[in-house]
């Protein structure tokens, strides 16, 4: 059974990013919002964001609301923020695979990869 999971680590603070809003969008003729989530104390979403028969091949986008999270951390940040909403668009070629799309975040950079 295929599934999509994520987690967010705040590399500037060296800890999981708690309370970060994430939206999952399907990318087709018109983008469609599938679900909205918030990271827990471990920087993870409670359970898969998409799984089973709902998890199909295609193109998806995760939108990480980093700006809102960074403002809550009370770090010394510029106005406007360098990073605000971070979109990560990715393709799912294997409907039975596990796609883990983590975000490593700081106020001035981010990175991602396909994890396991």
PDB file of N, CA and C in Angstrom:
ATOM      1  N   UNK A   1       0.839  -1.169   0.000  1.00  0.00           N
ATOM      2  CA  UNK A   1       0.000   0.000   0.000  1.00  0.00           C
ATOM      3  C   UNK A   1       0.893   1.244   0.000  1.00  0.00           C
ATOM      4  N   UNK A   2       0.667   2.149  -0.950  1.00  0.00           N
ATOM      5  CA  UNK A   2       1.459   3.362  -1.041  1.00  0.00           C
ATOM      6  C   UNK A   2       1.033   4.399  -0.028  1.00  0.00           C
ATOM      7  N   UNK A   3       1.984   5.292   0.283  1.00  0.00           N
ATOM      8  CA  UNK A   3       1.659   6.351   1.226  1.00  0.00           C
ATOM      9  C   UNK A   3       2.645   7.503   1.091  1.00  0.00           C
ATOM     10  N   UNK A   4       2.203   8.663   1.570  1.00  0.00           N
ATOM     11  CA  UNK A   4       3.017   9.874   1.583  1.00  0.00           C
ATOM     12  C   UNK A   4       3.157  10.348   3.013  1.00  0.00           C
ATOM     13  N   UNK A   5       4.396  10.576   3.436  1.00  0.00           N
ATOM     14  CA  UNK A   5       4.667  11.095   4.771  1.00  0.00           C
ATOM     15  C   UNK A   5       5.670  12.247   4.667  1.00  0.00           C
ATOM     16  N   UNK A   6       5.782  13.009   5.746  1.00  0.00           N
ATOM     17  CA  UNK A   6       6.743  14.111   5.799  1.00  0.00           C
ATOM     18  C   UNK A   6       7.134  14.382   7.234  1.00  0.00           C
ATOM     19  N   UNK A   7       8.193  15.131   7.390  1.00  0.00           N
ATOM     20  CA  UNK A   7       8.536  15.723   8.678  1.00  0.00           C
ATOM     21  C   UNK A   7       9.378  16.964   8.400  1.00  0.00           C
ATOM     22  N   UNK A   8       9.473  17.844   9.395  1.00  0.00           N
ATOM     23  CA  UNK A   8      10.199  19.097   9.238  1.00  0.00           C
ATOM     24  C   UNK A   8      11.162  19.257  10.406  1.00  0.00           C
ATOM     25  N   UNK A   9      12.423  19.511  10.070  1.00  0.00           N
ATOM     26  CA  UNK A   9      13.442  19.773  11.082  1.00  0.00           C
ATOM     27  C   UNK A   9      13.924  21.207  10.943  1.00  0.00           C
ATOM     28  N   UNK A  10      13.988  21.926  12.057  1.00  0.00           N
ATOM     29  CA  UNK A  10      14.496  23.291  12.091  1.00  0.00           C
ATOM     30  C   UNK A  10      15.998  23.187  12.330  1.00  0.00           C
ATOM     31  N   UNK A  11      16.786  23.356  11.278  1.00  0.00           N
ATOM     32  CA  UNK A  11      18.237  23.168  11.403  1.00  0.00           C
ATOM     33  C   UNK A  11      18.903  24.340  12.119  1.00  0.00           C
ATOM     34  N   UNK A  12      18.262  25.516  12.134  1.00  0.00           N
ATOM     35  CA  UNK A  12      18.828  26.660  12.849  1.00  0.00           C
ATOM     36  C   UNK A  12      18.734  26.463  14.363  1.00  0.00           C
ATOM     37  N   UNK A  13      17.622  25.881  14.809  1.00  0.00           N
ATOM     38  CA  UNK A  13      17.425  25.636  16.237  1.00  0.00           C
ATOM     39  C   UNK A  13      17.854  24.237  16.662  1.00  0.00           C
ATOM     40  N   UNK A  14      18.078  23.364  15.685  1.00  0.00           N
ATOM     41  CA  UNK A  14      18.507  22.002  15.994  1.00  0.00           C
ATOM     42  C   UNK A  14      17.433  21.147  16.632  1.00  0.00           C
ATOM     43  N   UNK A  15      16.183  21.314  16.160  1.00  0.00           N
ATOM     44  CA  UNK A  15      15.096  20.530  16.738  1.00  0.00           C
ATOM     45  C   UNK A  15      13.959  20.393  15.725  1.00  0.00           C
ATOM     46  N   UNK A  16      13.015  19.486  15.995  1.00  0.00           N
ATOM     47  CA  UNK A  16      11.856  19.362  15.108  1.00  0.00           C
ATOM     48  C   UNK A  16      11.049  20.653  15.076  1.00  0.00           C
ATOM     49  N   UNK A  17      10.452  20.922  13.926  1.00  0.00           N
ATOM     50  CA  UNK A  17       9.620  22.116  13.763  1.00  0.00           C
ATOM     51  C   UNK A  17       8.188  21.772  14.158  1.00  0.00           C
ATOM     52  N   UNK A  18       7.796  22.184  15.352  1.00  0.00           N
ATOM     53  CA  UNK A  18       6.466  21.906  15.888  1.00  0.00           C
ATOM     54  C   UNK A  18       5.496  23.012  15.484  1.00  0.00           C
ATOM     55  N   UNK A  19       4.288  22.628  15.043  1.00  0.00           N
ATOM     56  CA  UNK A  19       3.248  23.593  14.740  1.00  0.00           C
ATOM     57  C   UNK A  19       3.363  24.238  13.372  1.00  0.00           C
ATOM     58  N   UNK A  20       4.006  23.572  12.427  1.00  0.00           N
ATOM     59  CA  UNK A  20       4.150  24.113  11.076  1.00  0.00           C
ATOM     60  C   UNK A  20       3.022  23.580  10.188  1.00  0.00           C
ATOM     61  N   UNK A  21       2.287  24.485   9.577  1.00  0.00           N
ATOM     62  CA  UNK A  21       1.166  24.120   8.695  1.00  0.00           C
ATOM     63  C   UNK A  21       1.702  23.629   7.350  1.00  0.00           C
ATOM     64  N   UNK A  22       1.070  22.560   6.842  1.00  0.00           N
ATOM     65  CA  UNK A  22       1.433  21.983   5.546  1.00  0.00           C
ATOM     66  C   UNK A  22       0.150  21.697   4.777  1.00  0.00           C
ATOM     67  N   UNK A  23       0.124  22.093   3.522  1.00  0.00           N
ATOM     68  CA  UNK A  23      -0.981  21.748   2.632  1.00  0.00           C
ATOM     69  C   UNK A  23      -0.485  20.761   1.590  1.00  0.00           C
ATOM     70  N   UNK A  24      -1.346  19.811   1.228  1.00  0.00           N
ATOM     71  CA  UNK A  24      -1.074  18.864   0.154  1.00  0.00           C
ATOM     72  C   UNK A  24      -2.006  19.171  -1.000  1.00  0.00           C
ATOM     73  N   UNK A  25      -1.431  19.378  -2.187  1.00  0.00           N
ATOM     74  CA  UNK A  25      -2.181  19.707  -3.398  1.00  0.00           C
ATOM     75  C   UNK A  25      -1.921  18.679  -4.474  1.00  0.00           C
ATOM     76  N   UNK A  26      -2.947  18.305  -5.214  1.00  0.00           N
ATOM     77  CA  UNK A  26      -2.804  17.505  -6.431  1.00  0.00           C
ATOM     78  C   UNK A  26      -2.652  18.488  -7.581  1.00  0.00           C
ATOM     79  N   UNK A  27      -1.716  18.212  -8.465  1.00  0.00           N
ATOM     80  CA  UNK A  27      -1.464  19.094  -9.600  1.00  0.00           C
ATOM     81  C   UNK A  27      -2.045  18.452 -10.851  1.00  0.00           C
ATOM     82  N   UNK A  28      -3.075  19.031 -11.385  1.00  0.00           N
ATOM     83  CA  UNK A  28      -3.702  18.547 -12.612  1.00  0.00           C
ATOM     84  C   UNK A  28      -4.008  19.737 -13.491  1.00  0.00           C
ATOM     85  N   UNK A  29      -5.085  19.660 -14.236  1.00  0.00           N
ATOM     86  CA  UNK A  29      -5.498  20.792 -15.062  1.00  0.00           C
ATOM     87  C   UNK A  29      -5.692  22.031 -14.186  1.00  0.00           C
ATOM     88  N   UNK A  30      -6.249  21.818 -12.998  1.00  0.00           N
ATOM     89  CA  UNK A  30      -6.367  22.873 -11.987  1.00  0.00           C
ATOM     90  C   UNK A  30      -5.911  22.284 -10.660  1.00  0.00           C
ATOM     91  N   UNK A  31      -5.004  22.962  -9.927  1.00  0.00           N
ATOM     92  CA  UNK A  31      -4.563  22.429  -8.633  1.00  0.00           C
ATOM     93  C   UNK A  31      -5.749  22.220  -7.693  1.00  0.00           C
ATOM     94  N   UNK A  32      -5.677  21.128  -6.921  1.00  0.00           N
ATOM     95  CA  UNK A  32      -6.755  20.783  -5.996  1.00  0.00           C
ATOM     96  C   UNK A  32      -6.181  20.531  -4.606  1.00  0.00           C
ATOM     97  N   UNK A  33      -6.700  21.251  -3.625  1.00  0.00           N
ATOM     98  CA  UNK A  33      -6.268  21.048  -2.244  1.00  0.00           C
ATOM     99  C   UNK A  33      -6.822  19.719  -1.751  1.00  0.00           C
ATOM    100  N   UNK A  34      -5.934  18.837  -1.320  1.00  0.00           N
ATOM    101  CA  UNK A  34      -6.337  17.516  -0.825  1.00  0.00           C
ATOM    102  C   UNK A  34      -6.522  17.553   0.693  1.00  0.00           C
ATOM    103  N   UNK A  35      -5.548  18.126   1.396  1.00  0.00           N
ATOM    104  CA  UNK A  35      -5.622  18.127   2.857  1.00  0.00           C
ATOM    105  C   UNK A  35      -4.692  19.182   3.445  1.00  0.00           C
ATOM    106  N   UNK A  36      -4.949  19.508   4.708  1.00  0.00           N
ATOM    107  CA  UNK A  36      -4.130  20.445   5.473  1.00  0.00           C
ATOM    108  C   UNK A  36      -3.719  19.750   6.768  1.00  0.00           C
ATOM    109  N   UNK A  37      -2.469  19.958   7.161  1.00  0.00           N
ATOM    110  CA  UNK A  37      -1.925  19.279   8.345  1.00  0.00           C
ATOM    111  C   UNK A  37      -1.097  20.255   9.164  1.00  0.00           C
ATOM    112  N   UNK A  38      -0.751  19.841  10.378  1.00  0.00           N
ATOM    113  CA  UNK A  38       0.163  20.601  11.227  1.00  0.00           C
ATOM    114  C   UNK A  38       1.111  19.618  11.883  1.00  0.00           C
ATOM    115  N   UNK A  39       2.384  19.991  11.946  1.00  0.00           N
ATOM    116  CA  UNK A  39       3.373  19.087  12.533  1.00  0.00           C
ATOM    117  C   UNK A  39       3.209  19.011  14.049  1.00  0.00           C
ATOM    118  N   UNK A  40       3.515  17.832  14.578  1.00  0.00           N
ATOM    119  CA  UNK A  40       3.412  17.582  16.017  1.00  0.00           C
ATOM    120  C   UNK A  40       4.731  17.926  16.717  1.00  0.00           C
ATOM    121  N   UNK A  41       4.876  17.543  17.970  1.00  0.00           N
ATOM    122  CA  UNK A  41       6.080  17.849  18.756  1.00  0.00           C
ATOM    123  C   UNK A  41       7.347  17.261  18.149  1.00  0.00           C
ATOM    124  N   UNK A  42       7.195  16.193  17.361  1.00  0.00           N
ATOM    125  CA  UNK A  42       8.337  15.542  16.717  1.00  0.00           C
ATOM    126  C   UNK A  42       8.577  16.092  15.310  1.00  0.00           C
ATOM    127  N   UNK A  43       7.841  17.133  14.917  1.00  0.00           N
ATOM    128  CA  UNK A  43       8.001  17.717  13.591  1.00  0.00           C
ATOM    129  C   UNK A  43       7.366  16.886  12.493  1.00  0.00           C
ATOM    130  N   UNK A  44       6.533  15.932  12.878  1.00  0.00           N
ATOM    131  CA  UNK A  44       5.892  15.033  11.912  1.00  0.00           C
ATOM    132  C   UNK A  44       4.395  15.291  11.848  1.00  0.00           C
ATOM    133  N   UNK A  45       3.808  14.814  10.769  1.00  0.00           N
ATOM    134  CA  UNK A  45       2.359  14.814  10.637  1.00  0.00           C
ATOM    135  C   UNK A  45       1.874  13.501  11.244  1.00  0.00           C
ATOM    136  N   UNK A  46       0.802  13.544  12.007  1.00  0.00           N
ATOM    137  CA  UNK A  46       0.273  12.331  12.641  1.00  0.00           C
ATOM    138  C   UNK A  46      -0.325  11.414  11.572  1.00  0.00           C
ATOM    139  N   UNK A  47       0.432  10.447  11.130  1.00  0.00           N
ATOM    140  CA  UNK A  47      -0.025   9.494  10.123  1.00  0.00           C
ATOM    141  C   UNK A  47       0.270   9.959   8.712  1.00  0.00           C
ATOM    142  N   UNK A  48       0.033   9.076   7.746  1.00  0.00           N
ATOM    143  CA  UNK A  48       0.267   9.424   6.340  1.00  0.00           C
ATOM    144  C   UNK A  48      -0.644  10.561   5.878  1.00  0.00           C
ATOM    145  N   UNK A  49      -0.123  11.403   5.009  1.00  0.00           N
ATOM    146  CA  UNK A  49      -0.909  12.498   4.436  1.00  0.00           C
ATOM    147  C   UNK A  49      -1.829  11.985   3.332  1.00  0.00           C
ATOM    148  N   UNK A  50      -1.421  10.892   2.733  1.00  0.00           N
ATOM    149  CA  UNK A  50      -2.184  10.270   1.660  1.00  0.00           C
ATOM    150  C   UNK A  50      -1.775   8.806   1.640  1.00  0.00           C
ATOM    151  N   UNK A  51      -2.760   7.908   1.481  1.00  0.00           N
ATOM    152  CA  UNK A  51      -2.426   6.483   1.469  1.00  0.00           C
ATOM    153  C   UNK A  51      -3.523   5.667   0.805  1.00  0.00           C
ATOM    154  N   UNK A  52      -3.211   4.395   0.591  1.00  0.00           N
ATOM    155  CA  UNK A  52      -4.185   3.452   0.040  1.00  0.00           C
ATOM    156  C   UNK A  52      -4.648   3.824  -1.344  1.00  0.00           C
ATOM    157  N   UNK A  53      -5.930   3.649  -1.605  1.00  0.00           N
ATOM    158  CA  UNK A  53      -6.479   3.899  -2.937  1.00  0.00           C
ATOM    159  C   UNK A  53      -6.445   5.385  -3.308  1.00  0.00           C
ATOM    160  N   UNK A  54      -6.360   6.269  -2.331  1.00  0.00           N
ATOM    161  CA  UNK A  54      -6.266   7.705  -2.610  1.00  0.00           C
ATOM    162  C   UNK A  54      -4.873   8.095  -3.104  1.00  0.00           C
ATOM    163  N   UNK A  55      -3.880   7.239  -2.849  1.00  0.00           N
ATOM    164  CA  UNK A  55      -2.505   7.512  -3.251  1.00  0.00           C
ATOM    165  C   UNK A  55      -2.300   6.986  -4.664  1.00  0.00           C
ATOM    166  N   UNK A  56      -2.285   7.883  -5.623  1.00  0.00           N
ATOM    167  CA  UNK A  56      -2.206   7.511  -7.035  1.00  0.00           C
ATOM    168  C   UNK A  56      -0.995   8.161  -7.682  1.00  0.00           C
ATOM    169  N   UNK A  57      -0.593   7.624  -8.831  1.00  0.00           N
ATOM    170  CA  UNK A  57       0.491   8.248  -9.582  1.00  0.00           C
ATOM    171  C   UNK A  57       0.048   9.642 -10.018  1.00  0.00           C
ATOM    172  N   UNK A  58       1.009  10.500 -10.192  1.00  0.00           N
ATOM    173  CA  UNK A  58       0.712  11.867 -10.612  1.00  0.00           C
ATOM    174  C   UNK A  58       1.670  12.846  -9.972  1.00  0.00           C
ATOM    175  N   UNK A  59       1.349  14.114 -10.099  1.00  0.00           N
ATOM    176  CA  UNK A  59       2.180  15.181  -9.561  1.00  0.00           C
ATOM    177  C   UNK A  59       1.452  15.836  -8.394  1.00  0.00           C
ATOM    178  N   UNK A  60       2.193  16.037  -7.323  1.00  0.00           N
ATOM    179  CA  UNK A  60       1.660  16.617  -6.094  1.00  0.00           C
ATOM    180  C   UNK A  60       2.538  17.783  -5.665  1.00  0.00           C
ATOM    181  N   UNK A  61       2.008  18.586  -4.752  1.00  0.00           N
ATOM    182  CA  UNK A  61       2.791  19.680  -4.189  1.00  0.00           C
ATOM    183  C   UNK A  61       2.494  19.786  -2.706  1.00  0.00           C
ATOM    184  N   UNK A  62       3.560  19.848  -1.929  1.00  0.00           N
ATOM    185  CA  UNK A  62       3.456  20.150  -0.506  1.00  0.00           C
ATOM    186  C   UNK A  62       3.796  21.621  -0.335  1.00  0.00           C
ATOM    187  N   UNK A  63       2.954  22.347   0.383  1.00  0.00           N
ATOM    188  CA  UNK A  63       3.225  23.750   0.671  1.00  0.00           C
ATOM    189  C   UNK A  63       3.469  23.872   2.167  1.00  0.00           C
ATOM    190  N   UNK A  64       4.706  24.187   2.502  1.00  0.00           N
ATOM    191  CA  UNK A  64       5.126  24.330   3.891  1.00  0.00           C
ATOM    192  C   UNK A  64       5.049  25.815   4.262  1.00  0.00           C
ATOM    193  N   UNK A  65       4.265  26.154   5.266  1.00  0.00           N
ATOM    194  CA  UNK A  65       4.084  27.538   5.679  1.00  0.00           C
ATOM    195  C   UNK A  65       5.188  27.905   6.677  1.00  0.00           C
ATOM    196  N   UNK A  66       6.389  28.000   6.133  1.00  0.00           N
ATOM    197  CA  UNK A  66       7.589  28.232   6.934  1.00  0.00           C
ATOM    198  C   UNK A  66       7.590  29.600   7.594  1.00  0.00           C
ATOM    199  N   UNK A  67       7.103  30.619   6.893  1.00  0.00           N
ATOM    200  CA  UNK A  67       7.108  31.971   7.451  1.00  0.00           C
ATOM    201  C   UNK A  67       6.323  32.068   8.745  1.00  0.00           C
ATOM    202  N   UNK A  68       5.139  31.498   8.759  1.00  0.00           N
ATOM    203  CA  UNK A  68       4.326  31.516   9.983  1.00  0.00           C
ATOM    204  C   UNK A  68       5.064  30.814  11.121  1.00  0.00           C
ATOM    205  N   UNK A  69       5.672  29.678  10.818  1.00  0.00           N
ATOM    206  CA  UNK A  69       6.424  28.930  11.835  1.00  0.00           C
ATOM    207  C   UNK A  69       7.626  29.751  12.324  1.00  0.00           C
ATOM    208  N   UNK A  70       8.393  30.308  11.396  1.00  0.00           N
ATOM    209  CA  UNK A  70       9.598  31.047  11.780  1.00  0.00           C
ATOM    210  C   UNK A  70       9.263  32.261  12.647  1.00  0.00           C
ATOM    211  N   UNK A  71       8.184  32.934  12.347  1.00  0.00           N
ATOM    212  CA  UNK A  71       7.770  34.080  13.171  1.00  0.00           C
ATOM    213  C   UNK A  71       7.471  33.630  14.610  1.00  0.00           C
ATOM    214  N   UNK A  72       6.895  32.448  14.767  1.00  0.00           N
ATOM    215  CA  UNK A  72       6.556  31.935  16.108  1.00  0.00           C
ATOM    216  C   UNK A  72       7.793  31.551  16.914  1.00  0.00           C
ATOM    217  N   UNK A  73       8.922  31.292  16.247  1.00  0.00           N
ATOM    218  CA  UNK A  73      10.127  30.844  16.954  1.00  0.00           C
ATOM    219  C   UNK A  73      10.908  32.003  17.552  1.00  0.00           C
ATOM    220  N   UNK A  74      10.496  33.233  17.255  1.00  0.00           N
ATOM    221  CA  UNK A  74      11.118  34.438  17.826  1.00  0.00           C
ATOM    222  C   UNK A  74      12.604  34.556  17.502  1.00  0.00           C
ATOM    223  N   UNK A  75      13.007  34.043  16.358  1.00  0.00           N
ATOM    224  CA  UNK A  75      14.379  34.236  15.912  1.00  0.00           C
ATOM    225  C   UNK A  75      14.499  35.665  15.368  1.00  0.00           C
ATOM    226  N   UNK A  76      15.705  36.191  15.313  1.00  0.00           N
ATOM    227  CA  UNK A  76      15.935  37.529  14.778  1.00  0.00           C
ATOM    228  C   UNK A  76      15.800  37.451  13.258  1.00  0.00           C
ATOM    229  N   UNK A  77      14.638  37.886  12.738  1.00  0.00           N
ATOM    230  CA  UNK A  77      14.324  37.705  11.326  1.00  0.00           C
ATOM    231  C   UNK A  77      14.082  39.038  10.634  1.00  0.00           C
ATOM    232  N   UNK A  78      14.440  39.119   9.342  1.00  0.00           N
ATOM    233  CA  UNK A  78      14.170  40.341   8.597  1.00  0.00           C
ATOM    234  C   UNK A  78      12.691  40.433   8.215  1.00  0.00           C
ATOM    235  N   UNK A  79      12.272  41.643   7.840  1.00  0.00           N
ATOM    236  CA  UNK A  79      10.921  41.845   7.359  1.00  0.00           C
ATOM    237  C   UNK A  79      11.007  42.540   6.009  1.00  0.00           C
ATOM    238  N   UNK A  80      10.584  41.930   4.919  1.00  0.00           N
ATOM    239  CA  UNK A  80       9.897  40.644   4.869  1.00  0.00           C
ATOM    240  C   UNK A  80      10.877  39.479   5.025  1.00  0.00           C
ATOM    241  N   UNK A  81      10.325  38.339   5.378  1.00  0.00           N
ATOM    242  CA  UNK A  81      11.124  37.126   5.522  1.00  0.00           C
ATOM    243  C   UNK A  81      11.709  36.707   4.182  1.00  0.00           C
ATOM    244  N   UNK A  82      12.874  36.091   4.231  1.00  0.00           N
ATOM    245  CA  UNK A  82      13.461  35.538   3.022  1.00  0.00           C
ATOM    246  C   UNK A  82      12.634  34.359   2.518  1.00  0.00           C
ATOM    247  N   UNK A  83      12.214  33.480   3.420  1.00  0.00           N
ATOM    248  CA  UNK A  83      11.377  32.324   3.075  1.00  0.00           C
ATOM    249  C   UNK A  83      10.016  32.476   3.726  1.00  0.00           C
ATOM    250  N   UNK A  84       8.981  32.205   2.959  1.00  0.00           N
ATOM    251  CA  UNK A  84       7.632  32.262   3.510  1.00  0.00           C
ATOM    252  C   UNK A  84       6.955  30.923   3.250  1.00  0.00           C
ATOM    253  N   UNK A  85       6.218  30.782   2.178  1.00  0.00           N
ATOM    254  CA  UNK A  85       5.614  29.496   1.819  1.00  0.00           C
ATOM    255  C   UNK A  85       6.584  28.774   0.898  1.00  0.00           C
ATOM    256  N   UNK A  86       6.940  27.547   1.262  1.00  0.00           N
ATOM    257  CA  UNK A  86       7.881  26.750   0.474  1.00  0.00           C
ATOM    258  C   UNK A  86       7.108  25.663  -0.249  1.00  0.00           C
ATOM    259  N   UNK A  87       7.009  25.757  -1.594  1.00  0.00           N
ATOM    260  CA  UNK A  87       6.328  24.710  -2.352  1.00  0.00           C
ATOM    261  C   UNK A  87       7.337  23.652  -2.817  1.00  0.00           C
ATOM    262  N   UNK A  88       6.991  22.410  -2.612  1.00  0.00           N
ATOM    263  CA  UNK A  88       7.818  21.309  -3.126  1.00  0.00           C
ATOM    264  C   UNK A  88       6.922  20.455  -4.002  1.00  0.00           C
ATOM    265  N   UNK A  89       7.163  20.518  -5.304  1.00  0.00           N
ATOM    266  CA  UNK A  89       6.375  19.759  -6.273  1.00  0.00           C
ATOM    267  C   UNK A  89       7.164  18.501  -6.637  1.00  0.00           C
ATOM    268  N   UNK A  90       6.486  17.372  -6.618  1.00  0.00           N
ATOM    269  CA  UNK A  90       7.158  16.092  -6.856  1.00  0.00           C
ATOM    270  C   UNK A  90       6.211  15.140  -7.575  1.00  0.00           C
ATOM    271  N   UNK A  91       6.795  14.168  -8.236  1.00  0.00           N
ATOM    272  CA  UNK A  91       6.012  13.183  -8.961  1.00  0.00           C
ATOM    273  C   UNK A  91       5.994  11.839  -8.251  1.00  0.00           C
ATOM    274  N   UNK A  92       4.863  11.177  -8.333  1.00  0.00           N
ATOM    275  CA  UNK A  92       4.702   9.829  -7.790  1.00  0.00           C
ATOM    276  C   UNK A  92       4.553   8.886  -8.977  1.00  0.00           C
ATOM    277  N   UNK A  93       5.534   8.033  -9.175  1.00  0.00           N
ATOM    278  CA  UNK A  93       5.528   7.083 -10.284  1.00  0.00           C
ATOM    279  C   UNK A  93       5.101   5.690  -9.847  1.00  0.00           C
ATOM    280  N   UNK A  94       5.170   5.423  -8.535  1.00  0.00           N
ATOM    281  CA  UNK A  94       4.848   4.100  -7.993  1.00  0.00           C
ATOM    282  C   UNK A  94       3.726   4.236  -6.966  1.00  0.00           C
ATOM    283  N   UNK A  95       2.518   3.893  -7.361  1.00  0.00           N
ATOM    284  CA  UNK A  95       1.369   4.048  -6.466  1.00  0.00           C
ATOM    285  C   UNK A  95       1.448   3.144  -5.233  1.00  0.00           C
ATOM    286  N   UNK A  96       2.323   2.162  -5.257  1.00  0.00           N
ATOM    287  CA  UNK A  96       2.462   1.265  -4.108  1.00  0.00           C
ATOM    288  C   UNK A  96       3.708   1.577  -3.289  1.00  0.00           C
ATOM    289  N   UNK A  97       4.403   2.669  -3.617  1.00  0.00           N
ATOM    290  CA  UNK A  97       5.631   3.028  -2.913  1.00  0.00           C
ATOM    291  C   UNK A  97       5.384   3.905  -1.707  1.00  0.00           C
ATOM    292  N   UNK A  98       6.435   4.039  -0.899  1.00  0.00           N
ATOM    293  CA  UNK A  98       6.408   4.962   0.228  1.00  0.00           C
ATOM    294  C   UNK A  98       7.203   6.188  -0.193  1.00  0.00           C
ATOM    295  N   UNK A  99       6.539   7.316  -0.253  1.00  0.00           N
ATOM    296  CA  UNK A  99       7.180   8.583  -0.576  1.00  0.00           C
ATOM    297  C   UNK A  99       7.245   9.414   0.698  1.00  0.00           C
ATOM    298  N   UNK A 100       8.459   9.617   1.182  1.00  0.00           N
ATOM    299  CA  UNK A 100       8.680  10.434   2.368  1.00  0.00           C
ATOM    300  C   UNK A 100       9.399  11.691   1.896  1.00  0.00           C
ATOM    301  N   UNK A 101       8.773  12.851   2.089  1.00  0.00           N
ATOM    302  CA  UNK A 101       9.315  14.115   1.583  1.00  0.00           C
ATOM    303  C   UNK A 101       9.559  15.039   2.778  1.00  0.00           C
ATOM    304  N   UNK A 102      10.745  14.956   3.381  1.00  0.00           N
ATOM    305  CA  UNK A 102      11.042  15.798   4.536  1.00  0.00           C
ATOM    306  C   UNK A 102      11.531  17.184   4.116  1.00  0.00           C
ATOM    307  N   UNK A 103      11.460  18.117   5.049  1.00  0.00           N
ATOM    308  CA  UNK A 103      11.970  19.464   4.840  1.00  0.00           C
ATOM    309  C   UNK A 103      12.952  19.785   5.951  1.00  0.00           C
ATOM    310  N   UNK A 104      14.153  20.190   5.572  1.00  0.00           N
ATOM    311  CA  UNK A 104      15.154  20.696   6.510  1.00  0.00           C
ATOM    312  C   UNK A 104      15.137  22.206   6.336  1.00  0.00           C
ATOM    313  N   UNK A 105      14.844  22.930   7.384  1.00  0.00           N
ATOM    314  CA  UNK A 105      14.510  24.344   7.286  1.00  0.00           C
ATOM    315  C   UNK A 105      15.385  25.217   8.171  1.00  0.00           C
ATOM    316  N   UNK A 106      15.765  26.373   7.652  1.00  0.00           N
ATOM    317  CA  UNK A 106      16.339  27.456   8.443  1.00  0.00           C
ATOM    318  C   UNK A 106      15.765  28.752   7.875  1.00  0.00           C
ATOM    319  N   UNK A 107      15.973  29.893   8.506  1.00  0.00           N
ATOM    320  CA  UNK A 107      15.375  31.123   7.991  1.00  0.00           C
ATOM    321  C   UNK A 107      15.850  31.525   6.591  1.00  0.00           C
ATOM    322  N   UNK A 108      17.015  31.020   6.157  1.00  0.00           N
ATOM    323  CA  UNK A 108      17.570  31.456   4.881  1.00  0.00           C
ATOM    324  C   UNK A 108      17.841  30.322   3.900  1.00  0.00           C
ATOM    325  N   UNK A 109      17.441  29.101   4.244  1.00  0.00           N
ATOM    326  CA  UNK A 109      17.658  27.996   3.315  1.00  0.00           C
ATOM    327  C   UNK A 109      16.747  26.818   3.680  1.00  0.00           C
ATOM    328  N   UNK A 110      16.613  25.915   2.719  1.00  0.00           N
ATOM    329  CA  UNK A 110      15.904  24.671   2.980  1.00  0.00           C
ATOM    330  C   UNK A 110      16.414  23.616   2.011  1.00  0.00           C
ATOM    331  N   UNK A 111      16.186  22.372   2.355  1.00  0.00           N
ATOM    332  CA  UNK A 111      16.506  21.269   1.463  1.00  0.00           C
ATOM    333  C   UNK A 111      15.499  20.147   1.694  1.00  0.00           C
ATOM    334  N   UNK A 112      15.401  19.285   0.701  1.00  0.00           N
ATOM    335  CA  UNK A 112      14.494  18.155   0.775  1.00  0.00           C
ATOM    336  C   UNK A 112      15.113  16.998   0.008  1.00  0.00           C
ATOM    337  N   UNK A 113      14.511  15.838   0.123  1.00  0.00           N
ATOM    338  CA  UNK A 113      14.954  14.635  -0.568  1.00  0.00           C
ATOM    339  C   UNK A 113      13.842  13.613  -0.474  1.00  0.00           C
ATOM    340  N   UNK A 114      13.962  12.552  -1.245  1.00  0.00           N
ATOM    341  CA  UNK A 114      13.005  11.445  -1.064  1.00  0.00           C
ATOM    342  C   UNK A 114      13.592  10.503  -0.031  1.00  0.00           C
ATOM    343  N   UNK A 115      12.970  10.474   1.118  1.00  0.00           N
ATOM    344  CA  UNK A 115      13.440   9.625   2.200  1.00  0.00           C
ATOM    345  C   UNK A 115      12.733   8.292   2.214  1.00  0.00           C
ATOM    346  N   UNK A 116      12.905   7.573   3.287  1.00  0.00           N
ATOM    347  CA  UNK A 116      12.290   6.253   3.398  1.00  0.00           C
ATOM    348  C   UNK A 116      11.468   6.162   4.680  1.00  0.00           C
TER     349      UNK A 116
END
